[in-house]
Protein backbone atom coordinates (compact mmCIF):
# COMPACT_ATOMS: atom_id res chain seq x y z
CA MET A 1 -2.21 -36.09 -77.25
CA ARG A 2 -0.14 -38.80 -75.65
CA ILE A 3 -2.31 -41.01 -73.46
CA GLY A 4 -1.07 -43.50 -70.88
CA ILE A 5 -3.40 -46.44 -70.27
CA PHE A 6 -3.11 -49.21 -67.71
CA SER A 7 -5.39 -51.86 -66.23
CA ASP A 8 -5.74 -54.60 -63.64
CA THR A 9 -3.41 -53.23 -61.00
CA HIS A 10 -4.98 -55.64 -58.50
CA ALA A 11 -3.65 -53.95 -55.38
CA ASN A 12 -0.01 -54.39 -56.44
CA VAL A 13 1.49 -51.05 -55.49
CA ASP A 14 5.07 -52.02 -56.38
CA ALA A 15 4.09 -52.87 -59.94
CA LEU A 16 2.00 -49.69 -60.18
CA ASN A 17 4.89 -47.51 -59.04
CA ALA A 18 7.16 -49.16 -61.64
CA VAL A 19 4.61 -48.42 -64.36
CA LEU A 20 4.31 -44.79 -63.30
CA GLU A 21 8.09 -44.50 -63.40
CA GLY A 22 8.01 -45.86 -66.95
CA PHE A 23 5.31 -43.40 -67.93
CA ARG A 24 7.46 -40.51 -66.70
CA HIS A 25 9.72 -41.02 -69.72
CA GLU A 26 6.82 -40.97 -72.21
CA SER A 27 5.62 -37.32 -72.08
CA ILE A 28 2.11 -38.40 -71.12
CA ASP A 29 -0.69 -35.81 -71.25
CA ARG A 30 -3.40 -37.87 -69.58
CA TYR A 31 -3.69 -41.21 -67.79
CA TYR A 32 -6.63 -43.61 -67.93
CA CYS A 33 -7.17 -46.76 -65.88
CA LEU A 34 -9.30 -49.59 -67.27
CA GLY A 35 -10.30 -51.02 -63.91
CA ASP A 36 -9.62 -53.67 -61.29
CA THR A 37 -7.54 -51.48 -59.06
CA VAL A 38 -8.40 -53.88 -56.20
CA GLY A 39 -8.55 -57.66 -55.79
CA TYR A 40 -5.81 -60.29 -55.24
CA GLY A 41 -2.97 -58.08 -53.98
CA GLY A 42 -1.67 -56.69 -50.72
CA SER A 43 -2.09 -52.91 -51.13
CA PRO A 44 -5.68 -51.98 -52.00
CA ASN A 45 -5.77 -48.55 -50.35
CA GLU A 46 -2.35 -47.51 -51.61
CA CYS A 47 -3.31 -48.38 -55.19
CA CYS A 48 -6.70 -46.66 -54.97
CA ASP A 49 -5.04 -43.53 -53.58
CA ILE A 50 -2.56 -43.41 -56.46
CA VAL A 51 -5.07 -44.13 -59.25
CA ARG A 52 -7.54 -41.59 -57.85
CA LYS A 53 -4.78 -38.99 -57.92
CA ILE A 54 -3.18 -39.58 -61.31
CA ALA A 55 -5.91 -40.96 -63.60
CA TYR A 56 -8.02 -38.49 -65.57
CA GLY A 57 -10.63 -41.26 -65.82
CA THR A 58 -11.00 -44.75 -64.36
CA ILE A 59 -13.28 -47.59 -65.49
CA LEU A 60 -15.14 -49.97 -63.18
CA GLY A 61 -13.65 -53.48 -63.21
CA ASN A 62 -15.38 -56.61 -61.95
CA HIS A 63 -13.26 -56.74 -58.79
CA ASP A 64 -13.97 -53.07 -58.18
CA ALA A 65 -17.69 -53.75 -58.64
CA ALA A 66 -17.55 -56.66 -56.20
CA VAL A 67 -15.67 -54.77 -53.50
CA GLY A 68 -17.91 -51.74 -54.00
CA GLY A 69 -21.08 -53.77 -53.55
CA ARG A 70 -22.18 -53.31 -57.16
CA MET A 71 -22.32 -56.96 -58.21
CA ASP A 72 -22.93 -60.44 -56.81
CA TYR A 73 -19.66 -62.35 -56.47
CA SER A 74 -20.97 -65.34 -54.52
CA TYR A 75 -20.07 -67.59 -57.48
CA TYR A 76 -16.36 -66.63 -57.32
CA TYR A 77 -14.07 -69.30 -55.92
CA ASP A 78 -13.29 -69.19 -52.21
CA ALA A 79 -9.85 -67.53 -52.33
CA ALA A 80 -11.03 -64.77 -54.68
CA ARG A 81 -14.10 -64.09 -52.52
CA HIS A 82 -11.91 -63.95 -49.43
CA ALA A 83 -9.59 -61.39 -51.05
CA LEU A 84 -12.55 -59.24 -52.08
CA ASP A 85 -13.99 -59.41 -48.56
CA VAL A 86 -10.63 -58.46 -47.05
CA HIS A 87 -10.27 -55.51 -49.42
CA ALA A 88 -13.83 -54.33 -48.75
CA ARG A 89 -13.10 -54.24 -45.02
CA ALA A 90 -9.73 -52.56 -45.53
CA LEU A 91 -10.71 -49.71 -47.84
CA THR A 92 -11.04 -46.20 -46.49
CA PRO A 93 -14.48 -44.58 -46.83
CA GLU A 94 -13.07 -42.31 -49.53
CA ASN A 95 -11.79 -45.20 -51.63
CA MET A 96 -14.99 -47.18 -51.18
CA ALA A 97 -17.06 -44.19 -52.27
CA TRP A 98 -14.82 -43.80 -55.33
CA LEU A 99 -15.37 -47.42 -56.41
CA LYS A 100 -19.11 -46.92 -56.13
CA THR A 101 -19.05 -44.07 -58.67
CA LEU A 102 -16.82 -45.53 -61.41
CA PRO A 103 -18.36 -45.77 -64.92
CA TYR A 104 -18.56 -48.88 -67.12
CA GLU A 105 -17.09 -47.06 -70.12
CA ILE A 106 -15.48 -43.81 -71.20
CA ARG A 107 -15.70 -42.49 -74.76
CA LEU A 108 -13.07 -40.09 -76.05
CA ASP A 109 -14.59 -39.25 -79.42
CA GLU A 110 -12.01 -36.67 -80.41
CA GLU A 111 -9.23 -39.23 -79.91
CA GLY A 112 -11.29 -42.08 -81.40
CA LEU A 113 -11.13 -44.10 -78.18
CA LEU A 114 -13.60 -46.32 -76.35
CA LEU A 115 -12.39 -47.50 -72.94
CA CYS A 116 -13.97 -50.34 -70.96
CA HIS A 117 -12.90 -53.21 -68.72
CA GLY A 118 -14.21 -56.23 -70.62
CA SER A 119 -16.16 -56.67 -73.82
CA PRO A 120 -18.13 -53.57 -74.88
CA VAL A 121 -21.08 -55.74 -75.95
CA ARG A 122 -22.56 -56.27 -72.47
CA LEU A 123 -20.58 -54.00 -70.20
CA GLU A 124 -22.08 -55.12 -66.89
CA GLU A 125 -21.31 -58.78 -67.64
CA PHE A 126 -17.53 -58.22 -67.79
CA GLU A 127 -17.05 -60.73 -70.61
CA TYR A 128 -13.58 -61.61 -71.88
CA ILE A 129 -12.02 -60.92 -75.24
CA PHE A 130 -8.84 -62.91 -75.72
CA ALA A 131 -9.63 -64.84 -78.94
CA PRO A 132 -10.95 -63.90 -82.40
CA GLU A 133 -14.32 -65.58 -81.84
CA GLN A 134 -14.91 -63.35 -78.81
CA ALA A 135 -13.91 -60.27 -80.77
CA ARG A 136 -16.43 -61.30 -83.47
CA ASP A 137 -19.21 -60.81 -80.93
CA CYS A 138 -18.46 -57.10 -81.31
CA LEU A 139 -19.24 -56.98 -85.05
CA PRO A 140 -22.98 -56.26 -84.50
CA ILE A 141 -21.95 -53.10 -82.59
CA PHE A 142 -19.19 -52.16 -85.03
CA ASP A 143 -20.50 -48.60 -85.40
CA ARG A 144 -20.38 -48.11 -81.62
CA LEU A 145 -16.75 -49.14 -81.31
CA GLY A 146 -14.00 -46.56 -81.19
CA HIS A 147 -11.37 -46.47 -83.89
CA LEU A 148 -9.45 -48.00 -80.99
CA THR A 149 -11.32 -49.84 -78.23
CA LEU A 150 -9.09 -50.56 -75.23
CA ILE A 151 -9.93 -53.22 -72.65
CA GLY A 152 -8.35 -55.09 -69.75
CA HIS A 153 -9.78 -58.02 -67.77
CA SER A 154 -7.94 -60.95 -69.43
CA HIS A 155 -4.50 -59.83 -68.15
CA LEU A 156 -3.19 -60.56 -71.66
CA CYS A 157 -1.81 -58.34 -74.41
CA LYS A 158 -3.96 -58.91 -77.51
CA VAL A 159 -4.67 -57.03 -80.75
CA PHE A 160 -7.70 -57.59 -83.02
CA ALA A 161 -8.31 -55.66 -86.26
CA LEU A 162 -11.94 -55.42 -87.33
CA THR A 163 -13.88 -54.51 -90.45
CA PRO A 164 -17.69 -54.58 -90.49
CA THR A 165 -17.55 -58.25 -91.53
CA SER A 166 -14.24 -59.66 -90.31
CA VAL A 167 -11.84 -60.05 -87.38
CA GLU A 168 -8.09 -60.64 -87.63
CA GLU A 169 -5.80 -61.25 -84.67
CA LEU A 170 -2.52 -59.37 -85.01
CA PRO A 171 0.78 -59.73 -83.13
CA SER A 172 0.91 -57.86 -79.84
CA VAL A 173 3.51 -55.36 -81.00
CA ASN A 174 3.56 -51.61 -81.58
CA PHE A 175 1.51 -50.50 -84.59
CA VAL A 176 -0.05 -47.53 -86.39
CA LEU A 177 -3.82 -47.59 -86.81
CA ASP A 178 -5.19 -48.19 -90.31
CA PRO A 179 -7.97 -45.64 -90.95
CA LYS A 180 -10.00 -48.34 -92.75
CA LYS A 181 -10.11 -50.66 -89.72
CA LYS A 182 -11.13 -50.59 -86.09
CA TYR A 183 -9.13 -52.22 -83.32
CA ILE A 184 -9.84 -53.93 -80.03
CA VAL A 185 -6.72 -54.11 -77.88
CA SER A 186 -6.30 -55.82 -74.52
CA VAL A 187 -3.63 -53.87 -72.65
CA GLY A 188 -2.44 -56.55 -70.21
CA SER A 189 -2.13 -56.23 -66.45
CA VAL A 190 -0.07 -54.02 -64.19
CA GLY A 191 -0.28 -56.17 -61.09
CA GLN A 192 -0.88 -59.72 -62.24
CA PRO A 193 0.20 -60.46 -65.85
CA ARG A 194 -0.83 -63.85 -67.23
CA ASP A 195 1.25 -64.08 -70.41
CA PHE A 196 4.27 -65.75 -68.74
CA ASP A 197 6.04 -62.39 -68.49
CA ASN A 198 6.04 -61.19 -64.89
CA ARG A 199 6.84 -57.59 -65.76
CA ALA A 200 4.05 -55.05 -65.31
CA SER A 201 2.20 -54.18 -68.53
CA TYR A 202 1.06 -50.73 -69.70
CA VAL A 203 0.49 -48.94 -73.00
CA VAL A 204 0.83 -45.57 -74.68
CA PHE A 205 -1.38 -44.18 -77.46
CA ASP A 206 -0.42 -41.09 -79.47
CA SER A 207 -3.76 -39.84 -80.80
CA THR A 208 -2.08 -37.50 -83.29
CA ALA A 209 0.27 -40.05 -84.86
CA LYS A 210 -2.32 -42.84 -84.31
CA ARG A 211 0.50 -44.95 -82.90
CA PHE A 212 -0.07 -47.58 -80.21
CA GLU A 213 2.79 -48.94 -78.09
CA PHE A 214 3.04 -51.82 -75.60
CA LYS A 215 5.36 -51.30 -72.63
CA ARG A 216 6.66 -53.47 -69.76
CA ALA A 217 8.25 -52.55 -66.44
CA GLU A 218 10.26 -54.67 -64.05
CA TYR A 219 9.56 -54.36 -60.32
CA ASP A 220 10.46 -56.08 -57.05
CA VAL A 221 8.16 -59.10 -57.22
CA GLU A 222 9.38 -60.48 -53.91
CA VAL A 223 8.21 -57.38 -52.05
CA SER A 224 4.76 -57.67 -53.66
CA HIS A 225 4.71 -61.38 -52.83
CA ASP A 226 5.32 -60.60 -49.15
CA ARG A 227 2.58 -57.96 -49.09
CA VAL A 228 0.02 -60.54 -50.24
CA LEU A 229 1.03 -62.97 -47.51
CA LYS A 230 1.02 -60.23 -44.87
CA LEU A 231 -2.63 -59.52 -45.69
CA ASP A 232 -3.37 -63.26 -45.19
CA LEU A 233 -4.51 -63.82 -48.77
CA GLU A 234 -4.20 -66.98 -50.87
CA LYS A 235 -0.54 -68.01 -51.25
CA ASN A 236 -1.05 -68.69 -54.94
CA PHE A 237 -1.87 -65.00 -55.50
CA ALA A 238 1.65 -64.29 -54.27
CA GLN A 239 3.46 -67.15 -56.02
CA ARG A 240 1.99 -66.53 -59.46
CA LEU A 241 3.55 -63.04 -59.50
CA PHE A 242 6.95 -64.65 -60.06
CA LEU A 243 5.66 -66.67 -63.02
CA GLY A 244 3.45 -64.16 -64.82
CA VAL A 245 0.46 -66.52 -64.94
């Protein structure tokens, strides 16, 4: 099975459409979203509508949880809280109800996959994994991990290979899974990359060949920039789209 996975769309419908166009050339059997469909961007309903339609399964992200009333976000900084409040008011009843039902993880045992938004250690805490020491926190639950555990949240593309006693960070390039290791891979962000590459990020996993591939898609950043400003959100949320940070 060829599986298309994406994460952290953050209400950027132009980036999402570019990713879906890229996927159309990949013979995808099923799509999965790793969360944060909302937050930051200018098109929350449009993105929810698309993800609800195309994704076979979608994970709850921290921004989804906040907008859906499933977590306290009073400690977020002002601009982020404002965006979440705006999105909560803007969402249709159908999209709000959808956010309220999203799971914290999806296990695809036949494909050897575990899907979640942040670290699988404490799912409701939405902890980051973007460095080897954070991946080491997963060693005590090594048996619970998938052969391939896919996460979002950091907006970075990262690969960590694990044995029961070790963690090694690998280059973020296409690879074939070693049957003797497990992997935690951060798939990057569709709508707000933070690796100094402003192209939308998405990935493909072939569960038969055990091959994992990183992909990028260009889109009209200026249009997305203008959508953010039109919704009266923080200007920096618009500007950073050009920089990929």
